[in-house]
Amino acid sequence: MSQRLIMHIDLDAFFASIEQRDHPEYQGRPLVVGAEPGKRGVVATCSYEARRYGVHSAMPISEAFRRLPPETIYLRPDIARYGEVSRRIMTALEAISPLVEKVSVDEAFLDISGMERLIGPPERIGHRAKAVIHEAVGLTASVGIGPNRLIAKLASDYQKPDGLTLVMADQVEAFLDPQPLTVLRGLGAKSAPLLQRLGLRTVGDVRRLSLQELRQQLGVLAGTKIHEQAHGIASDRVHSDSERKSISKETTFGRDITDQDLLRDTLRWAAQEVGYIARQEGRTGNTVTLKIRFRGFETHTRSRTLATPTAADLEIFQQAWGLYRAEDWQGRPVRLIGLGIGGWESEASQGARQGDLFDGMRSGPDPKQDRIYETLDAISDKFGRRSLRLGVRRRKE
């Protein structure tokens, strides 16, 4: 039986690369896609020329503007155009493997186990994937191949941009050991320094600690998770799109955030992306979930079940913001925030579809709202996302 091989595809600076592809005059210049300078908001992504100045995704636009030179280009996201490019990429990848799991607009996992007999060695499969992406949309991607999702993901990060890294099962420890312990998912602003104070600097250092020691230092759940990752243990399952349980978008801030307006803006941006993807896939969900992380990897999720399934940006945002406001979290520094929608209509119970007797405002679908979003999406698909947006009025909290 052939060994498990999972491939992770990560498009390089996806939004910015599309803009530079479509506008040759932007090439070689720092470029930021996200909020406009002088307004509240964050960087969605930026070109590698901008990254040389220390700018990164989720950085407040005011900080990015302070760091970048005057010749920098600032653009609002064109989500519809990026979504169309993403769909062409995912379709192209189906020529590599029948199991393609789109995890975000610019990332996918592929199960390539056994594909050696059809295509060749793993390196050739990786080069084939890069080639079909370039042929389909003219963009570069970084590829990682490993025995599970964790190793494949870390491998795709290893030689960005336009890289290809293969880690076979017997190479996992050698690959992980020299890497900084911060590559492990789940080490927060408090837990990473805690391990560093113990003299741990690399994944290899962490791997030499016992499970019991890690649990004592980090707690049972976090300690177990870090122990498994340090040993290269993770899921090797790739889910097809039909198995998608939810659509979500989250952002990790470069520094902890307390600004309520910035948190609102970030959730509004996430809702716009989630809503658009849901509508493009013909999905409506009846469960909105808020995810928030504070210092020390303290993570909370809150969910709300809706009377009527939705894919509307405003509804998703308002429900998520309502979940945040319902908690005593105002003023606490936030490391990560995001939202998701799931509980697809086909899976919803009859009771959920009928709704709450006392929820007169949500007694059924809103055809007028559906027509508004159909019109917005059609205009966006033809003229670009920036041509028209359904806004959310800011109010003082």
Protein backbone atom coordinates (compact mmCIF):
# COMPACT_ATOMS: atom_id res chain seq x y z
CA MET A 1 0.00 0.00 0.00
CA SER A 2 1.41 3.42 -0.98
CA GLN A 3 2.02 5.92 1.79
CA ARG A 4 -0.29 8.83 2.41
CA LEU A 5 0.66 12.01 0.58
CA ILE A 6 -1.14 15.30 1.13
CA MET A 7 -0.36 18.39 -0.94
CA HIS A 8 -1.03 21.94 0.22
CA ILE A 9 -1.34 24.71 -2.37
CA ASP A 10 -0.85 28.29 -1.21
CA LEU A 11 -1.15 31.08 -3.78
CA ASP A 12 1.55 33.70 -3.37
CA ALA A 13 0.19 37.09 -2.17
CA PHE A 14 -3.02 36.15 -3.97
CA PHE A 15 -5.01 39.40 -4.12
CA ALA A 16 -1.93 41.52 -4.76
CA SER A 17 -0.62 39.11 -7.40
CA ILE A 18 -3.89 39.29 -9.33
CA GLU A 19 -3.71 43.08 -9.32
CA GLN A 20 -0.10 43.04 -10.50
CA ARG A 21 -0.94 40.48 -13.18
CA ASP A 22 -3.80 42.60 -14.52
CA HIS A 23 -1.95 45.92 -14.22
CA PRO A 24 1.66 45.62 -15.43
CA GLU A 25 2.33 49.16 -14.20
CA TYR A 26 1.90 47.85 -10.62
CA GLN A 27 4.61 45.22 -10.96
CA GLY A 28 7.73 45.76 -8.87
CA ARG A 29 5.99 48.32 -6.66
CA PRO A 30 4.71 48.00 -3.09
CA LEU A 31 0.99 47.25 -3.30
CA VAL A 32 -1.59 46.91 -0.53
CA VAL A 33 -5.05 45.43 -0.91
CA GLY A 34 -7.37 46.35 1.95
CA ALA A 35 -8.62 49.47 3.65
CA GLU A 36 -7.89 52.91 2.25
CA PRO A 37 -5.26 55.08 3.96
CA GLY A 38 -6.83 57.60 6.28
CA LYS A 39 -9.71 55.27 7.09
CA ARG A 40 -10.13 52.51 9.64
CA GLY A 41 -9.44 48.97 8.56
CA VAL A 42 -6.70 46.47 7.92
CA VAL A 43 -4.43 45.10 5.22
CA ALA A 44 -6.09 42.13 3.48
CA THR A 45 -2.84 41.22 1.71
CA CYS A 46 0.14 42.94 0.19
CA SER A 47 2.77 42.35 -2.45
CA TYR A 48 6.19 40.99 -1.59
CA GLU A 49 7.62 44.43 -2.35
CA ALA A 50 5.47 45.78 0.51
CA ARG A 51 6.41 42.92 2.82
CA ARG A 52 10.03 44.05 2.72
CA TYR A 53 8.89 47.00 4.85
CA GLY A 54 7.43 44.69 7.51
CA VAL A 55 3.84 45.01 6.32
CA HIS A 56 1.64 41.93 6.60
CA SER A 57 -1.98 40.80 6.45
CA ALA A 58 -4.25 42.08 9.26
CA MET A 59 -1.94 45.01 10.05
CA PRO A 60 -3.92 48.22 10.69
CA ILE A 61 -3.82 50.30 7.52
CA SER A 62 -2.53 53.30 9.50
CA GLU A 63 0.56 51.32 10.54
CA ALA A 64 1.12 50.05 6.97
CA PHE A 65 0.85 53.59 5.61
CA ARG A 66 3.42 54.80 8.14
CA ARG A 67 5.93 52.14 7.05
CA LEU A 68 5.51 52.21 3.27
CA PRO A 69 7.06 54.64 0.75
CA PRO A 70 5.00 57.25 -1.15
CA GLU A 71 4.95 55.21 -4.39
CA THR A 72 2.88 52.46 -2.74
CA ILE A 73 -0.38 51.52 -4.44
CA TYR A 74 -3.48 51.07 -2.27
CA LEU A 75 -6.48 49.18 -3.62
CA ARG A 76 -9.83 48.08 -2.24
CA PRO A 77 -10.42 44.29 -2.51
CA ASP A 78 -12.23 43.09 -5.64
CA ILE A 79 -13.64 39.95 -4.02
CA ALA A 80 -15.75 38.93 -7.00
CA ARG A 81 -12.77 38.96 -9.36
CA TYR A 82 -10.57 37.12 -6.86
CA GLY A 83 -13.33 34.56 -6.36
CA GLU A 84 -13.53 33.88 -10.08
CA VAL A 85 -9.76 33.35 -10.26
CA SER A 86 -10.00 31.02 -7.26
CA ARG A 87 -12.69 28.94 -8.95
CA ARG A 88 -10.56 28.56 -12.07
CA ILE A 89 -7.64 27.41 -9.92
CA MET A 90 -9.70 24.82 -8.06
CA THR A 91 -11.11 23.50 -11.33
CA ALA A 92 -7.60 23.20 -12.75
CA LEU A 93 -6.43 21.30 -9.67
CA GLU A 94 -9.09 18.65 -10.25
CA ALA A 95 -6.88 17.48 -13.13
CA ILE A 96 -4.31 16.51 -10.50
CA SER A 97 -6.54 14.76 -7.96
CA PRO A 98 -10.25 14.04 -7.56
CA LEU A 99 -9.96 15.05 -3.89
CA VAL A 100 -9.49 18.82 -3.73
CA GLU A 101 -10.46 20.65 -0.54
CA LYS A 102 -10.66 24.41 -0.85
CA VAL A 103 -9.88 25.79 2.60
CA SER A 104 -9.89 29.46 1.59
CA VAL A 105 -9.95 31.55 -1.54
CA ASP A 106 -6.19 31.03 -2.02
CA GLU A 107 -5.47 27.68 -0.35
CA ALA A 108 -6.34 24.05 -0.99
CA PHE A 109 -5.40 20.58 0.17
CA LEU A 110 -5.18 17.69 -2.31
CA ASP A 111 -4.96 14.00 -1.55
CA ILE A 112 -2.33 12.73 -4.00
CA SER A 113 -1.87 9.30 -2.43
CA GLY A 114 -1.29 6.74 -5.19
CA MET A 115 -0.98 9.40 -7.90
CA GLU A 116 2.64 8.38 -8.50
CA ARG A 117 1.44 5.62 -10.83
CA LEU A 118 -0.44 8.14 -12.96
CA ILE A 119 1.78 11.22 -12.86
CA GLY A 120 5.14 10.25 -11.40
CA PRO A 121 7.16 10.98 -8.24
CA PRO A 122 5.78 13.48 -5.69
CA GLU A 123 8.06 16.27 -6.94
CA ARG A 124 6.64 15.85 -10.44
CA ILE A 125 3.10 16.02 -9.05
CA GLY A 126 3.98 19.25 -7.26
CA HIS A 127 5.48 20.77 -10.40
CA ARG A 128 2.41 19.67 -12.37
CA ALA A 129 0.15 21.47 -9.88
CA LYS A 130 2.19 24.66 -10.15
CA ALA A 131 2.11 24.40 -13.95
CA VAL A 132 -1.65 23.93 -14.24
CA ILE A 133 -2.22 26.94 -11.95
CA HIS A 134 0.09 29.11 -14.03
CA GLU A 135 -1.52 27.95 -17.26
CA ALA A 136 -5.02 28.59 -15.89
CA VAL A 137 -4.55 32.02 -14.30
CA GLY A 138 -0.95 33.15 -14.78
CA LEU A 139 -0.08 33.11 -11.05
CA THR A 140 2.51 31.36 -8.92
CA ALA A 141 1.85 29.13 -5.94
CA SER A 142 3.94 27.58 -3.20
CA VAL A 143 3.46 23.83 -2.78
CA GLY A 144 4.10 21.59 0.19
CA ILE A 145 3.81 17.80 0.17
CA GLY A 146 3.84 15.64 3.29
CA PRO A 147 2.22 12.69 5.03
CA ASN A 148 -0.49 14.84 6.65
CA ARG A 149 -2.08 18.28 6.58
CA LEU A 150 0.24 19.84 9.16
CA ILE A 151 3.44 18.87 7.40
CA ALA A 152 2.06 19.79 3.97
CA LYS A 153 1.04 23.22 5.26
CA LEU A 154 4.39 23.89 6.93
CA ALA A 155 6.16 22.67 3.80
CA SER A 156 4.26 25.13 1.58
CA ASP A 157 5.39 27.97 3.89
CA TYR A 158 8.99 26.79 3.84
CA GLN A 159 10.17 28.25 0.52
CA LYS A 160 7.72 31.02 -0.34
CA PRO A 161 7.20 32.47 -2.85
CA ASP A 162 6.92 30.01 -5.75
CA GLY A 163 8.45 27.18 -3.71
CA LEU A 164 8.09 23.40 -3.67
CA THR A 165 9.01 21.38 -0.58
CA LEU A 166 8.58 17.62 -0.20
CA VAL A 167 8.73 15.97 3.24
CA MET A 168 8.38 12.20 3.26
CA ALA A 169 7.24 10.32 6.38
CA ASP A 170 10.78 9.35 7.39
CA GLN A 171 11.91 13.00 7.03
CA VAL A 172 9.31 14.62 9.28
CA GLU A 173 11.41 14.96 12.43
CA ALA A 174 14.44 16.23 10.52
CA PHE A 175 12.19 18.80 8.81
CA LEU A 176 10.52 19.95 12.03
CA ASP A 177 13.43 19.93 14.46
CA PRO A 178 15.34 23.08 13.33
CA GLN A 179 12.24 25.20 12.81
CA PRO A 180 11.33 27.85 15.41
CA LEU A 181 8.74 26.66 17.90
CA THR A 182 6.44 29.48 16.75
CA VAL A 183 5.52 27.46 13.62
CA LEU A 184 3.42 25.21 15.88
CA ARG A 185 -0.27 26.10 15.68
CA GLY A 186 -1.70 27.05 19.03
CA LEU A 187 1.25 28.77 20.68
CA GLY A 188 -0.07 32.14 21.71
CA ALA A 189 1.53 35.36 22.89
CA LYS A 190 1.73 33.98 26.43
CA SER A 191 2.53 30.29 25.90
CA ALA A 192 5.37 30.78 23.40
CA PRO A 193 7.44 33.00 25.78
CA LEU A 194 6.69 30.51 28.57
CA LEU A 195 8.37 27.72 26.60
CA GLN A 196 11.17 30.03 25.53
CA ARG A 197 11.90 30.83 29.18
CA LEU A 198 12.46 27.09 29.63
CA GLY A 199 15.24 27.35 27.04
CA LEU A 200 13.14 25.98 24.18
CA ARG A 201 13.76 27.62 20.83
CA THR A 202 12.99 25.03 18.17
CA VAL A 203 10.42 22.33 17.48
CA GLY A 204 13.14 19.81 18.23
CA ASP A 205 13.50 21.30 21.71
CA VAL A 206 9.74 21.00 22.26
CA ARG A 207 9.71 17.41 21.01
CA ARG A 208 12.16 16.41 23.70
CA LEU A 209 9.66 17.37 26.40
CA SER A 210 7.29 14.66 27.53
CA LEU A 211 3.54 14.92 27.09
CA GLN A 212 3.16 15.27 30.84
CA GLU A 213 5.63 18.17 30.99
CA LEU A 214 3.87 20.02 28.17
CA ARG A 215 0.50 19.54 29.83
CA GLN A 216 1.88 20.91 33.08
CA GLN A 217 3.21 23.99 31.31
CA LEU A 218 0.36 24.68 28.86
CA GLY A 219 -2.67 22.83 30.17
CA VAL A 220 -4.10 19.51 29.03
CA LEU A 221 -5.65 20.57 25.72
CA ALA A 222 -2.94 22.95 24.50
CA GLY A 223 -0.15 20.71 25.80
CA THR A 224 -1.55 17.68 23.98
CA LYS A 225 -1.96 19.63 20.75
CA ILE A 226 1.58 21.00 20.83
CA HIS A 227 2.99 17.55 21.70
CA GLU A 228 1.27 15.98 18.70
CA GLN A 229 2.44 18.72 16.32
CA ALA A 230 6.03 18.53 17.57
CA HIS A 231 5.94 14.82 16.68
CA GLY A 232 4.41 15.53 13.27
CA ILE A 233 1.06 13.98 14.19
CA ALA A 234 -1.98 15.45 12.40
CA SER A 235 -4.97 14.56 10.25
CA ASP A 236 -4.37 13.18 6.76
CA ARG A 237 -7.99 13.54 5.69
CA VAL A 238 -8.92 15.70 2.69
CA HIS A 239 -12.59 16.60 2.43
CA SER A 240 -14.27 17.21 -0.90
CA ASP A 241 -16.25 20.43 -1.35
CA SER A 242 -19.50 18.51 -0.90
CA GLU A 243 -18.38 17.72 2.65
CA ARG A 244 -17.81 21.35 3.59
CA LYS A 245 -19.46 21.89 6.97
CA SER A 246 -19.01 25.64 7.16
CA ILE A 247 -17.47 28.69 5.52
CA SER A 248 -15.34 30.87 7.75
CA LYS A 249 -12.83 33.70 7.68
CA GLU A 250 -10.59 34.81 10.52
CA THR A 251 -7.71 37.21 11.04
CA THR A 252 -4.78 37.12 13.46
CA PHE A 253 -3.65 40.66 14.28
CA GLY A 254 0.01 41.58 14.30
CA ARG A 255 -0.55 43.09 17.74
CA ASP A 256 -3.39 42.73 20.22
CA ILE A 257 -6.34 44.99 19.37
CA THR A 258 -8.77 46.79 21.68
CA ASP A 259 -10.17 49.28 19.14
CA GLN A 260 -13.89 48.44 18.81
CA ASP A 261 -14.20 50.11 15.41
CA LEU A 262 -11.31 48.07 14.05
CA LEU A 263 -12.87 44.85 15.38
CA ARG A 264 -16.16 45.81 13.73
CA ASP A 265 -14.42 46.57 10.45
CA THR A 266 -12.61 43.24 10.54
CA LEU A 267 -15.81 41.30 11.18
CA ARG A 268 -17.59 43.24 8.44
CA TRP A 269 -14.83 42.35 5.98
CA ALA A 270 -14.96 38.69 7.05
CA ALA A 271 -18.75 38.62 6.64
CA GLN A 272 -18.45 40.06 3.14
CA GLU A 273 -16.06 37.30 2.10
CA VAL A 274 -18.03 34.52 3.78
CA GLY A 275 -21.36 35.73 2.38
CA TYR A 276 -20.04 36.01 -1.16
CA ILE A 277 -18.52 32.50 -1.11
CA ALA A 278 -21.74 31.05 0.31
CA ARG A 279 -23.84 32.66 -2.42
CA GLN A 280 -21.46 31.54 -5.14
CA GLU A 281 -21.75 27.96 -3.85
CA GLY A 282 -25.53 28.21 -3.60
CA ARG A 283 -25.52 27.75 0.17
CA THR A 284 -27.53 29.33 2.96
CA GLY A 285 -26.76 28.58 6.58
CA ASN A 286 -28.72 28.88 9.79
CA THR A 287 -25.78 28.99 12.23
CA VAL A 288 -23.46 31.99 12.59
CA THR A 289 -20.34 31.45 14.70
CA LEU A 290 -18.01 34.03 16.21
CA LYS A 291 -14.44 33.02 17.08
CA ILE A 292 -12.26 35.22 19.26
CA ARG A 293 -8.84 34.72 20.81
CA PHE A 294 -7.27 36.74 23.59
CA ARG A 295 -3.79 36.68 25.08
CA GLY A 296 -2.40 33.35 26.17
CA PHE A 297 -4.31 31.42 23.52
CA GLU A 298 -7.57 31.91 25.42
CA THR A 299 -10.05 31.11 22.67
CA HIS A 300 -13.85 31.31 22.70
CA THR A 301 -16.52 30.48 20.14
CA ARG A 302 -20.11 31.60 20.30
CA SER A 303 -22.87 30.50 17.92
CA ARG A 304 -26.38 31.65 17.16
CA THR A 305 -29.05 29.71 15.30
CA LEU A 306 -31.15 31.79 12.94
CA ALA A 307 -34.84 31.31 12.25
CA THR A 308 -34.19 31.54 8.50
CA PRO A 309 -31.01 30.35 6.76
CA THR A 310 -29.05 33.18 5.14
CA ALA A 311 -26.07 34.05 2.98
CA ALA A 312 -26.49 37.82 3.39
CA ASP A 313 -23.36 39.76 4.37
CA LEU A 314 -25.23 42.17 6.64
CA GLU A 315 -27.10 39.44 8.48
CA ILE A 316 -23.94 37.41 9.05
CA PHE A 317 -22.06 40.47 10.28
CA GLN A 318 -24.84 41.70 12.55
CA GLN A 319 -25.29 38.30 14.16
CA ALA A 320 -21.54 37.91 14.78
CA TRP A 321 -21.24 41.44 16.16
CA GLY A 322 -24.25 40.77 18.36
CA LEU A 323 -22.52 37.69 19.76
CA TYR A 324 -19.46 39.80 20.58
CA ARG A 325 -21.53 42.54 22.21
CA ALA A 326 -23.42 40.01 24.31
CA GLU A 327 -20.23 39.09 26.16
CA ASP A 328 -18.20 41.09 28.66
CA TRP A 329 -15.25 41.34 26.27
CA GLN A 330 -15.10 45.07 25.50
CA GLY A 331 -11.66 46.46 26.30
CA ARG A 332 -9.92 43.07 26.33
CA PRO A 333 -6.97 42.86 23.90
CA VAL A 334 -7.94 40.64 20.96
CA ARG A 335 -5.36 38.52 19.14
CA LEU A 336 -7.66 36.85 16.59
CA ILE A 337 -11.24 37.37 15.47
CA GLY A 338 -13.34 35.74 12.81
CA LEU A 339 -16.73 34.40 11.90
CA GLY A 340 -18.31 31.56 10.02
CA ILE A 341 -21.62 30.27 8.75
CA GLY A 342 -22.81 26.68 8.60
CA GLY A 343 -25.79 24.49 9.29
CA TRP A 344 -26.76 24.45 5.63
CA GLU A 345 -30.44 24.66 4.84
CA SER A 346 -30.62 21.05 3.66
CA GLU A 347 -29.34 19.96 7.07
CA ALA A 348 -31.58 22.23 9.13
CA SER A 349 -34.35 20.73 11.17
CA GLN A 350 -37.96 21.55 10.43
CA GLY A 351 -38.14 23.38 13.72
CA ALA A 352 -35.18 25.59 12.83
CA ARG A 353 -36.73 26.42 9.46
CA GLN A 354 -40.02 27.38 11.11
CA GLY A 355 -38.19 29.70 13.48
CA ASP A 356 -38.88 31.09 16.89
CA LEU A 357 -42.52 31.94 17.63
CA PHE A 358 -41.42 35.26 19.10
CA ASP A 359 -39.01 36.18 16.28
CA GLY A 360 -41.43 38.14 14.15
CA MET A 361 -38.63 40.01 12.43
CA ARG A 362 -37.26 36.76 10.95
CA SER A 363 -40.41 34.85 10.03
CA GLY A 364 -39.26 33.80 6.58
CA PRO A 365 -37.01 34.49 3.59
CA ASP A 366 -36.86 38.04 2.31
CA PRO A 367 -37.27 37.97 -1.52
CA LYS A 368 -36.40 41.66 -1.76
CA GLN A 369 -33.12 41.09 0.07
CA ASP A 370 -32.35 38.09 -2.13
CA ARG A 371 -32.86 40.23 -5.24
CA ILE A 372 -30.59 42.93 -3.82
CA TYR A 373 -27.74 40.46 -3.31
CA GLU A 374 -28.31 38.84 -6.70
CA THR A 375 -28.02 42.29 -8.27
CA LEU A 376 -24.94 43.21 -6.21
CA ASP A 377 -23.19 39.96 -7.12
CA ALA A 378 -24.06 40.30 -10.80
CA ILE A 379 -22.70 43.86 -10.89
CA SER A 380 -19.61 42.77 -8.96
CA ASP A 381 -18.97 39.84 -11.31
CA LYS A 382 -19.16 42.12 -14.34
CA PHE A 383 -17.53 45.31 -13.13
CA GLY A 384 -15.55 44.27 -10.06
CA ARG A 385 -16.23 44.21 -6.34
CA ARG A 386 -15.24 47.83 -5.88
CA SER A 387 -17.96 49.04 -8.27
CA LEU A 388 -20.77 48.67 -5.73
CA ARG A 389 -21.03 47.60 -2.11
CA LEU A 390 -23.84 47.24 0.38
CA GLY A 391 -22.60 49.28 3.32
CA VAL A 392 -22.98 48.98 7.06
CA ARG A 393 -23.58 52.26 8.79
CA ARG A 394 -21.14 52.89 11.60
CA ARG A 395 -22.69 53.93 14.85
CA LYS A 396 -21.18 54.94 18.13
CA GLU A 397 -21.18 52.11 20.66
